[in-house]
Amino acid sequence: MSDANEFKITQVVDNGQMVQLTLIENVSTEPVSQKQMIIENVSNKLDAETKEQVMPLLEAILQAQPTVNIKSYQQTQMTMAMPKSRYDSMGRPQVGNIVAVDLKKI
């Protein structure tokens, strides 16, 4: 199984002989409101007539609740160390650059 992903470099530590890169998966996540998730789930489970009666009440109830944003995707993070010569041969990527990482079981 192979899974090549793009990772964004979040930290570079260079001690002269070894370079350590901290990477986080390069995916776009947007916060999802807990209120919105509740409204969508209730809406999907009700028929049109019941939805027409219940949704205004549900929205009124949820207006009093604080908005809690949750992330819809948990990103993979990794740290790797490599010899300085290998880092140089990669083109010396810096914080914010994107690198491809190929992960597979062999």
N, C-alpha and C. Protein backbone atom coordinates (compact mmCIF):
# COMPACT_ATOMS: atom_id res chain seq x y z
N MET A 1 0.85 -1.18 0.00
CA MET A 1 0.00 0.00 0.00
C MET A 1 0.89 1.24 0.00
N SER A 2 0.62 2.16 -0.90
CA SER A 2 1.42 3.37 -1.02
C SER A 2 0.54 4.59 -0.83
N ASP A 3 1.07 5.57 -0.16
CA ASP A 3 0.31 6.79 0.09
C ASP A 3 1.27 7.97 0.05
N ALA A 4 1.41 8.60 -1.13
CA ALA A 4 2.30 9.76 -1.25
C ALA A 4 1.50 11.00 -0.88
N ASN A 5 2.03 11.77 0.05
CA ASN A 5 1.34 12.96 0.53
C ASN A 5 2.27 14.15 0.49
N GLU A 6 1.63 15.32 0.43
CA GLU A 6 2.38 16.55 0.54
C GLU A 6 2.40 16.98 2.00
N PHE A 7 3.56 17.43 2.45
CA PHE A 7 3.72 17.91 3.81
C PHE A 7 4.33 19.30 3.76
N LYS A 8 3.86 20.17 4.66
CA LYS A 8 4.41 21.52 4.77
C LYS A 8 5.44 21.51 5.89
N ILE A 9 6.58 22.12 5.63
CA ILE A 9 7.64 22.20 6.64
C ILE A 9 7.25 23.28 7.65
N THR A 10 7.21 22.89 8.93
CA THR A 10 6.85 23.85 9.98
C THR A 10 8.05 24.26 10.82
N GLN A 11 9.13 23.47 10.76
CA GLN A 11 10.32 23.80 11.54
C GLN A 11 11.54 23.14 10.91
N VAL A 12 12.65 23.87 10.87
CA VAL A 12 13.94 23.33 10.41
C VAL A 12 14.97 23.60 11.50
N VAL A 13 15.61 22.52 11.97
CA VAL A 13 16.67 22.66 12.98
C VAL A 13 17.95 22.11 12.35
N ASP A 14 18.94 22.98 12.18
CA ASP A 14 20.21 22.63 11.54
C ASP A 14 21.32 22.75 12.57
N ASN A 15 21.94 21.61 12.93
CA ASN A 15 23.02 21.67 13.92
C ASN A 15 24.40 21.60 13.26
N GLY A 16 24.44 21.71 11.95
CA GLY A 16 25.72 21.70 11.24
C GLY A 16 25.99 20.39 10.52
N GLN A 17 25.71 19.25 11.18
CA GLN A 17 25.92 17.95 10.55
C GLN A 17 24.60 17.28 10.19
N MET A 18 23.60 17.47 11.03
CA MET A 18 22.27 16.88 10.81
C MET A 18 21.23 17.99 10.71
N VAL A 19 20.19 17.72 9.95
CA VAL A 19 19.07 18.65 9.82
C VAL A 19 17.81 17.91 10.23
N GLN A 20 17.02 18.53 11.08
CA GLN A 20 15.76 17.95 11.52
C GLN A 20 14.61 18.78 10.95
N LEU A 21 13.68 18.11 10.27
CA LEU A 21 12.52 18.77 9.69
C LEU A 21 11.27 18.32 10.44
N THR A 22 10.41 19.26 10.78
CA THR A 22 9.11 18.95 11.33
C THR A 22 8.09 19.26 10.24
N LEU A 23 7.26 18.27 9.92
CA LEU A 23 6.32 18.37 8.81
C LEU A 23 4.90 18.16 9.29
N ILE A 24 3.95 18.84 8.64
CA ILE A 24 2.54 18.62 8.89
C ILE A 24 1.85 18.45 7.55
N GLU A 25 0.90 17.53 7.50
CA GLU A 25 0.20 17.22 6.26
C GLU A 25 -0.39 18.49 5.65
N ASN A 26 -0.20 18.67 4.36
CA ASN A 26 -0.63 19.88 3.66
C ASN A 26 -2.05 19.67 3.13
N VAL A 27 -3.02 19.79 4.03
CA VAL A 27 -4.43 19.71 3.63
C VAL A 27 -5.13 20.94 4.17
N SER A 28 -6.14 21.35 3.44
CA SER A 28 -6.91 22.50 3.89
C SER A 28 -8.02 22.01 4.81
N THR A 29 -8.05 22.55 6.01
CA THR A 29 -9.14 22.22 6.93
C THR A 29 -9.86 23.51 7.26
N GLU A 30 -11.14 23.40 7.39
CA GLU A 30 -11.90 24.57 7.81
C GLU A 30 -12.70 24.19 9.03
N PRO A 31 -12.81 25.09 9.97
CA PRO A 31 -13.58 24.78 11.17
C PRO A 31 -15.05 24.56 10.82
N VAL A 32 -15.64 23.59 11.47
CA VAL A 32 -17.05 23.31 11.28
C VAL A 32 -17.76 23.66 12.58
N SER A 33 -18.79 24.44 12.49
CA SER A 33 -19.54 24.85 13.67
C SER A 33 -20.35 23.67 14.18
N GLN A 34 -20.31 23.48 15.50
CA GLN A 34 -21.09 22.41 16.11
C GLN A 34 -22.58 22.65 15.88
N LYS A 35 -23.00 23.91 15.91
CA LYS A 35 -24.40 24.25 15.64
C LYS A 35 -24.81 23.78 14.25
N GLN A 36 -23.94 24.07 13.28
CA GLN A 36 -24.23 23.71 11.89
C GLN A 36 -24.33 22.20 11.73
N MET A 37 -23.45 21.46 12.41
CA MET A 37 -23.50 19.99 12.33
C MET A 37 -24.80 19.46 12.90
N ILE A 38 -25.25 20.02 14.01
CA ILE A 38 -26.51 19.58 14.63
C ILE A 38 -27.68 19.86 13.69
N ILE A 39 -27.72 21.06 13.15
CA ILE A 39 -28.82 21.43 12.24
C ILE A 39 -28.84 20.51 11.02
N GLU A 40 -27.67 20.25 10.43
CA GLU A 40 -27.60 19.38 9.25
C GLU A 40 -28.04 17.96 9.57
N ASN A 41 -27.58 17.42 10.70
CA ASN A 41 -27.95 16.05 11.06
C ASN A 41 -29.43 15.91 11.34
N VAL A 42 -30.01 16.86 12.04
CA VAL A 42 -31.45 16.82 12.32
C VAL A 42 -32.23 16.97 11.02
N SER A 43 -31.79 17.89 10.19
CA SER A 43 -32.46 18.14 8.91
C SER A 43 -32.47 16.90 8.02
N ASN A 44 -31.38 16.15 8.02
CA ASN A 44 -31.30 14.95 7.18
C ASN A 44 -32.22 13.83 7.66
N LYS A 45 -32.58 13.83 8.91
CA LYS A 45 -33.37 12.73 9.47
C LYS A 45 -34.89 12.99 9.50
N LEU A 46 -35.29 14.19 9.17
CA LEU A 46 -36.72 14.52 9.25
C LEU A 46 -37.35 14.64 7.87
N ASP A 47 -38.64 14.31 7.81
CA ASP A 47 -39.37 14.54 6.57
C ASP A 47 -39.68 16.04 6.46
N ALA A 48 -40.14 16.46 5.29
CA ALA A 48 -40.32 17.90 5.00
C ALA A 48 -41.30 18.56 5.97
N GLU A 49 -42.41 17.91 6.28
CA GLU A 49 -43.43 18.52 7.15
C GLU A 49 -42.89 18.69 8.58
N THR A 50 -42.28 17.65 9.11
CA THR A 50 -41.73 17.72 10.47
C THR A 50 -40.58 18.73 10.53
N LYS A 51 -39.76 18.74 9.49
CA LYS A 51 -38.64 19.67 9.43
C LYS A 51 -39.13 21.11 9.49
N GLU A 52 -40.22 21.38 8.79
CA GLU A 52 -40.80 22.73 8.76
C GLU A 52 -41.23 23.18 10.16
N GLN A 53 -41.69 22.25 10.98
CA GLN A 53 -42.12 22.58 12.33
C GLN A 53 -40.96 22.64 13.33
N VAL A 54 -40.01 21.74 13.19
CA VAL A 54 -38.96 21.58 14.19
C VAL A 54 -37.78 22.55 13.99
N MET A 55 -37.42 22.83 12.74
CA MET A 55 -36.21 23.61 12.48
C MET A 55 -36.22 25.01 13.09
N PRO A 56 -37.32 25.77 13.00
CA PRO A 56 -37.30 27.08 13.66
C PRO A 56 -37.07 26.99 15.16
N LEU A 57 -37.66 25.99 15.79
CA LEU A 57 -37.47 25.78 17.22
C LEU A 57 -36.02 25.41 17.53
N LEU A 58 -35.46 24.49 16.74
CA LEU A 58 -34.08 24.07 16.95
C LEU A 58 -33.11 25.25 16.77
N GLU A 59 -33.32 26.04 15.73
CA GLU A 59 -32.45 27.19 15.50
C GLU A 59 -32.56 28.20 16.64
N ALA A 60 -33.75 28.40 17.19
CA ALA A 60 -33.93 29.31 18.32
C ALA A 60 -33.19 28.79 19.55
N ILE A 61 -33.25 27.50 19.79
CA ILE A 61 -32.55 26.90 20.92
C ILE A 61 -31.04 27.04 20.75
N LEU A 62 -30.55 26.78 19.55
CA LEU A 62 -29.11 26.82 19.31
C LEU A 62 -28.55 28.24 19.31
N GLN A 63 -29.38 29.24 19.09
CA GLN A 63 -28.90 30.62 19.13
C GLN A 63 -28.36 30.98 20.51
N ALA A 64 -28.92 30.37 21.54
CA ALA A 64 -28.50 30.66 22.91
C ALA A 64 -27.20 29.92 23.28
N GLN A 65 -26.82 28.94 22.47
CA GLN A 65 -25.62 28.16 22.76
C GLN A 65 -24.39 28.84 22.17
N PRO A 66 -23.24 28.72 22.85
CA PRO A 66 -22.01 29.28 22.27
C PRO A 66 -21.60 28.47 21.04
N THR A 67 -20.96 29.14 20.09
CA THR A 67 -20.48 28.45 18.89
C THR A 67 -19.16 27.77 19.22
N VAL A 68 -19.11 26.47 19.01
CA VAL A 68 -17.91 25.71 19.24
C VAL A 68 -17.44 25.20 17.88
N ASN A 69 -16.28 25.64 17.44
CA ASN A 69 -15.73 25.18 16.17
C ASN A 69 -14.89 23.94 16.40
N ILE A 70 -15.10 22.95 15.54
CA ILE A 70 -14.31 21.73 15.62
C ILE A 70 -13.64 21.52 14.27
N LYS A 71 -12.48 20.91 14.29
CA LYS A 71 -11.78 20.61 13.04
C LYS A 71 -12.38 19.33 12.46
N SER A 72 -12.54 19.32 11.16
CA SER A 72 -13.17 18.17 10.52
C SER A 72 -12.15 17.11 10.09
N TYR A 73 -10.85 17.40 10.27
CA TYR A 73 -9.82 16.46 9.82
C TYR A 73 -8.59 16.62 10.71
N GLN A 74 -8.09 15.52 11.20
CA GLN A 74 -6.88 15.57 12.03
C GLN A 74 -5.67 15.32 11.13
N GLN A 75 -4.74 16.26 11.11
CA GLN A 75 -3.60 16.18 10.23
C GLN A 75 -2.50 15.29 10.78
N THR A 76 -1.78 14.64 9.87
CA THR A 76 -0.62 13.84 10.23
C THR A 76 0.57 14.76 10.39
N GLN A 77 1.36 14.53 11.42
CA GLN A 77 2.57 15.33 11.65
C GLN A 77 3.73 14.37 11.85
N MET A 78 4.90 14.75 11.35
CA MET A 78 6.08 13.91 11.54
C MET A 78 7.33 14.77 11.67
N THR A 79 8.33 14.19 12.29
CA THR A 79 9.64 14.82 12.41
C THR A 79 10.66 13.85 11.87
N MET A 80 11.57 14.36 11.05
CA MET A 80 12.62 13.48 10.51
C MET A 80 13.97 14.18 10.59
N ALA A 81 15.00 13.38 10.74
CA ALA A 81 16.36 13.90 10.78
C ALA A 81 17.12 13.28 9.62
N MET A 82 18.02 14.06 9.01
CA MET A 82 18.81 13.57 7.87
C MET A 82 20.17 14.25 7.88
N PRO A 83 21.13 13.62 7.23
CA PRO A 83 22.45 14.26 7.12
C PRO A 83 22.32 15.57 6.34
N LYS A 84 23.16 16.52 6.69
CA LYS A 84 23.15 17.84 6.05
C LYS A 84 23.32 17.71 4.53
N SER A 85 24.15 16.78 4.06
CA SER A 85 24.38 16.61 2.62
C SER A 85 23.09 16.20 1.89
N ARG A 86 22.29 15.36 2.52
CA ARG A 86 21.01 14.95 1.90
C ARG A 86 20.05 16.13 1.85
N TYR A 87 20.01 16.91 2.92
CA TYR A 87 19.18 18.11 2.96
C TYR A 87 19.61 19.09 1.86
N ASP A 88 20.91 19.28 1.70
CA ASP A 88 21.42 20.17 0.65
C ASP A 88 21.03 19.66 -0.74
N SER A 89 21.09 18.33 -0.94
CA SER A 89 20.75 17.78 -2.26
C SER A 89 19.26 17.89 -2.57
N MET A 90 18.44 18.08 -1.54
CA MET A 90 16.99 18.29 -1.74
C MET A 90 16.69 19.73 -2.15
N GLY A 91 17.68 20.59 -2.12
CA GLY A 91 17.46 21.99 -2.47
C GLY A 91 17.24 22.88 -1.26
N ARG A 92 17.58 22.41 -0.07
CA ARG A 92 17.46 23.16 1.17
C ARG A 92 16.07 23.77 1.37
N PRO A 93 15.02 22.94 1.42
CA PRO A 93 13.67 23.48 1.64
C PRO A 93 13.57 24.19 2.99
N GLN A 94 12.80 25.24 3.04
CA GLN A 94 12.67 26.06 4.24
C GLN A 94 11.25 25.97 4.81
N VAL A 95 11.03 26.58 5.97
CA VAL A 95 9.72 26.61 6.61
C VAL A 95 8.71 27.20 5.63
N GLY A 96 7.58 26.51 5.49
CA GLY A 96 6.53 26.96 4.57
C GLY A 96 6.57 26.25 3.23
N ASN A 97 7.74 25.65 2.87
CA ASN A 97 7.84 24.91 1.62
C ASN A 97 7.09 23.59 1.74
N ILE A 98 6.68 23.05 0.59
CA ILE A 98 5.95 21.78 0.54
C ILE A 98 6.90 20.71 0.02
N VAL A 99 6.90 19.54 0.68
CA VAL A 99 7.68 18.40 0.23
C VAL A 99 6.75 17.20 0.09
N ALA A 100 7.10 16.28 -0.81
CA ALA A 100 6.33 15.06 -0.99
C ALA A 100 6.99 13.94 -0.18
N VAL A 101 6.18 13.16 0.50
CA VAL A 101 6.66 12.04 1.29
C VAL A 101 5.90 10.80 0.84
N ASP A 102 6.61 9.76 0.46
CA ASP A 102 5.99 8.52 -0.01
C ASP A 102 6.06 7.49 1.10
N LEU A 103 4.92 7.14 1.66
CA LEU A 103 4.86 6.15 2.74
C LEU A 103 4.25 4.87 2.20
N LYS A 104 4.94 3.76 2.40
CA LYS A 104 4.38 2.47 1.99
C LYS A 104 4.98 1.35 2.81
N LYS A 105 4.19 0.32 2.98
CA LYS A 105 4.64 -0.86 3.70
C LYS A 105 5.40 -1.74 2.71
N ILE A 106 6.59 -2.18 3.12
CA ILE A 106 7.38 -3.04 2.24
C ILE A 106 7.69 -4.35 2.91
